[in-house]
PDB file of N, CA and C in Angstrom:
ATOM      1  N   UNK A   1       0.785  -1.053   0.252  1.00  0.00           N
ATOM      2  CA  UNK A   1      -0.164   0.043  -0.097  1.00  0.00           C
ATOM      3  C   UNK A   1       0.710   0.960   0.248  1.00  0.00           C
ATOM      4  N   UNK A   2       1.688   1.281   0.581  1.00  0.00           N
ATOM      5  CA  UNK A   2       2.951   2.446   0.405  1.00  0.00           C
ATOM      6  C   UNK A   2       3.198   2.550  -0.809  1.00  0.00           C
ATOM      7  N   UNK A   3       3.570   1.573  -1.655  1.00  0.00           N
ATOM      8  CA  UNK A   3       4.565   2.301  -2.634  1.00  0.00           C
ATOM      9  C   UNK A   3       3.153   2.857  -3.776  1.00  0.00           C
ATOM     10  N   UNK A   4       1.827   2.476  -3.412  1.00  0.00           N
ATOM     11  CA  UNK A   4       0.979   2.596  -4.319  1.00  0.00           C
ATOM     12  C   UNK A   4      -0.168   4.126  -3.510  1.00  0.00           C
ATOM     13  N   UNK A   5       0.804   4.499  -2.088  1.00  0.00           N
ATOM     14  CA  UNK A   5       0.492   6.209  -1.316  1.00  0.00           C
ATOM     15  C   UNK A   5      -0.625   5.867  -1.445  1.00  0.00           C
ATOM     16  N   UNK A   6      -1.316   4.458  -0.939  1.00  0.00           N
ATOM     17  CA  UNK A   6      -2.848   3.872  -0.769  1.00  0.00           C
ATOM     18  C   UNK A   6      -3.347   4.299   0.941  1.00  0.00           C
ATOM     19  N   UNK A   7      -4.249   4.006   0.910  1.00  0.00           N
ATOM     20  CA  UNK A   7      -4.337   3.643   2.670  1.00  0.00           C
ATOM     21  C   UNK A   7      -5.241   2.603   3.311  1.00  0.00           C
ATOM     22  N   UNK A   8      -4.801   1.943   3.986  1.00  0.00           N
ATOM     23  CA  UNK A   8      -5.573   1.288   4.834  1.00  0.00           C
ATOM     24  C   UNK A   8      -7.291   1.396   5.322  1.00  0.00           C
ATOM     25  N   UNK A   9      -8.304   1.003   4.330  1.00  0.00           N
ATOM     26  CA  UNK A   9      -9.370   1.417   5.084  1.00  0.00           C
ATOM     27  C   UNK A   9      -9.838   0.554   5.711  1.00  0.00           C
ATOM     28  N   UNK A  10     -11.620   0.723   6.674  1.00  0.00           N
ATOM     29  CA  UNK A  10     -11.754  -0.237   7.305  1.00  0.00           C
ATOM     30  C   UNK A  10     -13.037  -0.944   6.746  1.00  0.00           C
ATOM     31  N   UNK A  11     -13.515  -1.928   7.173  1.00  0.00           N
ATOM     32  CA  UNK A  11     -15.126  -2.260   6.518  1.00  0.00           C
ATOM     33  C   UNK A  11     -16.284  -0.907   6.571  1.00  0.00           C
ATOM     34  N   UNK A  12     -16.267  -0.399   7.826  1.00  0.00           N
ATOM     35  CA  UNK A  12     -16.819   0.885   7.646  1.00  0.00           C
ATOM     36  C   UNK A  12     -16.745   1.856   6.533  1.00  0.00           C
ATOM     37  N   UNK A  13     -15.539   2.426   6.493  1.00  0.00           N
ATOM     38  CA  UNK A  13     -15.211   3.568   5.836  1.00  0.00           C
ATOM     39  C   UNK A  13     -15.070   3.111   4.482  1.00  0.00           C
ATOM     40  N   UNK A  14     -14.877   1.523   3.837  1.00  0.00           N
ATOM     41  CA  UNK A  14     -15.481   1.592   2.710  1.00  0.00           C
ATOM     42  C   UNK A  14     -17.137   1.359   2.236  1.00  0.00           C
ATOM     43  N   UNK A  15     -17.854   1.323   2.890  1.00  0.00           N
ATOM     44  CA  UNK A  15     -19.024   0.671   2.977  1.00  0.00           C
ATOM     45  C   UNK A  15     -19.323   2.476   2.978  1.00  0.00           C
ATOM     46  N   UNK A  16     -19.202   3.381   3.959  1.00  0.00           N
ATOM     47  CA  UNK A  16     -18.987   4.578   3.838  1.00  0.00           C
ATOM     48  C   UNK A  16     -18.974   5.187   2.580  1.00  0.00           C
ATOM     49  N   UNK A  17     -17.695   5.355   1.969  1.00  0.00           N
ATOM     50  CA  UNK A  17     -17.244   5.872   0.513  1.00  0.00           C
ATOM     51  C   UNK A  17     -18.447   5.254  -0.380  1.00  0.00           C
ATOM     52  N   UNK A  18     -18.626   3.909  -0.979  1.00  0.00           N
ATOM     53  CA  UNK A  18     -19.754   3.392  -1.523  1.00  0.00           C
ATOM     54  C   UNK A  18     -21.288   4.054  -1.222  1.00  0.00           C
ATOM     55  N   UNK A  19     -21.175   3.655  -0.030  1.00  0.00           N
ATOM     56  CA  UNK A  19     -22.853   5.158  -0.121  1.00  0.00           C
ATOM     57  C   UNK A  19     -22.520   6.241  -0.766  1.00  0.00           C
ATOM     58  N   UNK A  20     -21.669   7.453  -0.346  1.00  0.00           N
ATOM     59  CA  UNK A  20     -22.032   8.022  -0.513  1.00  0.00           C
ATOM     60  C   UNK A  20     -21.301   8.453  -2.131  1.00  0.00           C
ATOM     61  N   UNK A  21     -21.139   7.673  -3.045  1.00  0.00           N
ATOM     62  CA  UNK A  21     -20.405   7.362  -4.535  1.00  0.00           C
ATOM     63  C   UNK A  21     -22.281   7.473  -4.594  1.00  0.00           C
ATOM     64  N   UNK A  22     -22.928   6.528  -3.991  1.00  0.00           N
ATOM     65  CA  UNK A  22     -24.679   6.715  -5.139  1.00  0.00           C
ATOM     66  C   UNK A  22     -24.717   4.828  -4.792  1.00  0.00           C
ATOM     67  N   UNK A  23     -24.321   4.186  -4.363  1.00  0.00           N
ATOM     68  CA  UNK A  23     -24.700   2.677  -4.140  1.00  0.00           C
ATOM     69  C   UNK A  23     -25.658   2.592  -3.057  1.00  0.00           C
ATOM     70  N   UNK A  24     -26.741   1.416  -3.051  1.00  0.00           N
ATOM     71  CA  UNK A  24     -27.216   1.414  -2.771  1.00  0.00           C
ATOM     72  C   UNK A  24     -27.026  -0.435  -1.979  1.00  0.00           C
ATOM     73  N   UNK A  25     -27.463  -0.879  -1.167  1.00  0.00           N
ATOM     74  CA  UNK A  25     -27.932  -2.453  -0.445  1.00  0.00           C
ATOM     75  C   UNK A  25     -26.110  -3.105  -0.917  1.00  0.00           C
ATOM     76  N   UNK A  26     -24.732  -1.893   0.011  1.00  0.00           N
ATOM     77  CA  UNK A  26     -23.667  -1.816   0.274  1.00  0.00           C
ATOM     78  C   UNK A  26     -23.436  -2.616   1.094  1.00  0.00           C
ATOM     79  N   UNK A  27     -22.432  -3.468   0.792  1.00  0.00           N
ATOM     80  CA  UNK A  27     -21.879  -4.701   1.883  1.00  0.00           C
ATOM     81  C   UNK A  27     -19.990  -4.801   1.923  1.00  0.00           C
ATOM     82  N   UNK A  28     -19.839  -4.887   3.090  1.00  0.00           N
ATOM     83  CA  UNK A  28     -18.321  -5.748   3.068  1.00  0.00           C
ATOM     84  C   UNK A  28     -17.827  -7.169   3.446  1.00  0.00           C
ATOM     85  N   UNK A  29     -16.874  -7.190   2.653  1.00  0.00           N
ATOM     86  CA  UNK A  29     -16.919  -8.896   3.736  1.00  0.00           C
ATOM     87  C   UNK A  29     -14.960  -9.219   4.118  1.00  0.00           C
ATOM     88  N   UNK A  30     -15.108  -8.888   5.493  1.00  0.00           N
ATOM     89  CA  UNK A  30     -13.462  -8.242   5.740  1.00  0.00           C
ATOM     90  C   UNK A  30     -12.697 -10.077   6.023  1.00  0.00           C
ATOM     91  N   UNK A  31     -11.489 -10.628   5.163  1.00  0.00           N
ATOM     92  CA  UNK A  31     -11.672 -12.040   5.861  1.00  0.00           C
ATOM     93  C   UNK A  31     -10.273 -11.756   7.158  1.00  0.00           C
ATOM     94  N   UNK A  32     -10.677 -11.977   9.006  1.00  0.00           N
ATOM     95  CA  UNK A  32     -10.170 -11.975   9.515  1.00  0.00           C
ATOM     96  C   UNK A  32      -8.375 -12.550   8.886  1.00  0.00           C
ATOM     97  N   UNK A  33      -7.605 -12.738   9.202  1.00  0.00           N
ATOM     98  CA  UNK A  33      -6.294 -12.919   9.240  1.00  0.00           C
ATOM     99  C   UNK A  33      -5.502 -12.422   8.368  1.00  0.00           C
ATOM    100  N   UNK A  34      -5.980 -11.830   6.953  1.00  0.00           N
ATOM    101  CA  UNK A  34      -4.960 -11.314   6.040  1.00  0.00           C
ATOM    102  C   UNK A  34      -6.084  -9.930   5.939  1.00  0.00           C
ATOM    103  N   UNK A  35      -4.972  -9.471   4.896  1.00  0.00           N
ATOM    104  CA  UNK A  35      -5.690  -7.325   4.877  1.00  0.00           C
ATOM    105  C   UNK A  35      -6.751  -7.722   3.611  1.00  0.00           C
ATOM    106  N   UNK A  36      -7.675  -8.752   3.130  1.00  0.00           N
ATOM    107  CA  UNK A  36      -8.514  -8.627   1.722  1.00  0.00           C
ATOM    108  C   UNK A  36      -9.787  -8.357   2.400  1.00  0.00           C
ATOM    109  N   UNK A  37     -10.941  -7.563   1.049  1.00  0.00           N
ATOM    110  CA  UNK A  37     -11.650  -6.563   1.193  1.00  0.00           C
ATOM    111  C   UNK A  37     -12.819  -6.680   0.636  1.00  0.00           C
ATOM    112  N   UNK A  38     -13.991  -7.510   0.574  1.00  0.00           N
ATOM    113  CA  UNK A  38     -14.482  -7.575  -0.924  1.00  0.00           C
ATOM    114  C   UNK A  38     -15.696  -6.111   0.103  1.00  0.00           C
ATOM    115  N   UNK A  39     -15.828  -5.252  -1.399  1.00  0.00           N
ATOM    116  CA  UNK A  39     -17.312  -4.352  -1.206  1.00  0.00           C
ATOM    117  C   UNK A  39     -17.533  -4.781  -2.288  1.00  0.00           C
ATOM    118  N   UNK A  40     -19.374  -4.182  -1.867  1.00  0.00           N
ATOM    119  CA  UNK A  40     -20.363  -4.678  -3.105  1.00  0.00           C
ATOM    120  C   UNK A  40     -21.535  -3.987  -3.381  1.00  0.00           C
ATOM    121  N   UNK A  41     -21.865  -2.936  -3.862  1.00  0.00           N
ATOM    122  CA  UNK A  41     -23.211  -2.284  -3.994  1.00  0.00           C
ATOM    123  C   UNK A  41     -23.521  -2.610  -5.196  1.00  0.00           C
ATOM    124  N   UNK A  42     -24.880  -1.830  -4.956  1.00  0.00           N
ATOM    125  CA  UNK A  42     -25.837  -2.165  -5.924  1.00  0.00           C
ATOM    126  C   UNK A  42     -26.105  -0.419  -6.386  1.00  0.00           C
ATOM    127  N   UNK A  43     -25.561  -0.263  -8.077  1.00  0.00           N
ATOM    128  CA  UNK A  43     -26.517   1.232  -8.891  1.00  0.00           C
ATOM    129  C   UNK A  43     -27.686   1.168  -8.347  1.00  0.00           C
ATOM    130  N   UNK A  44     -27.909   2.612  -8.659  1.00  0.00           N
ATOM    131  CA  UNK A  44     -29.007   3.012  -8.195  1.00  0.00           C
ATOM    132  C   UNK A  44     -29.724   4.204  -9.241  1.00  0.00           C
ATOM    133  N   UNK A  45     -28.571   3.731 -10.361  1.00  0.00           N
ATOM    134  CA  UNK A  45     -28.936   4.904 -11.521  1.00  0.00           C
ATOM    135  C   UNK A  45     -29.103   4.270 -12.468  1.00  0.00           C
TER     136      UNK A  45
END
């Protein structure tokens, strides 16, 4: 992540960003023990 100048976001932060971007039915799944997260949302447009 430092190489990409990116930040680690929590599940809640991912959900908030997707909601702010206009997605509905936003959900996240985080795999304990590693830094993988899956975030999904449904486009409302």
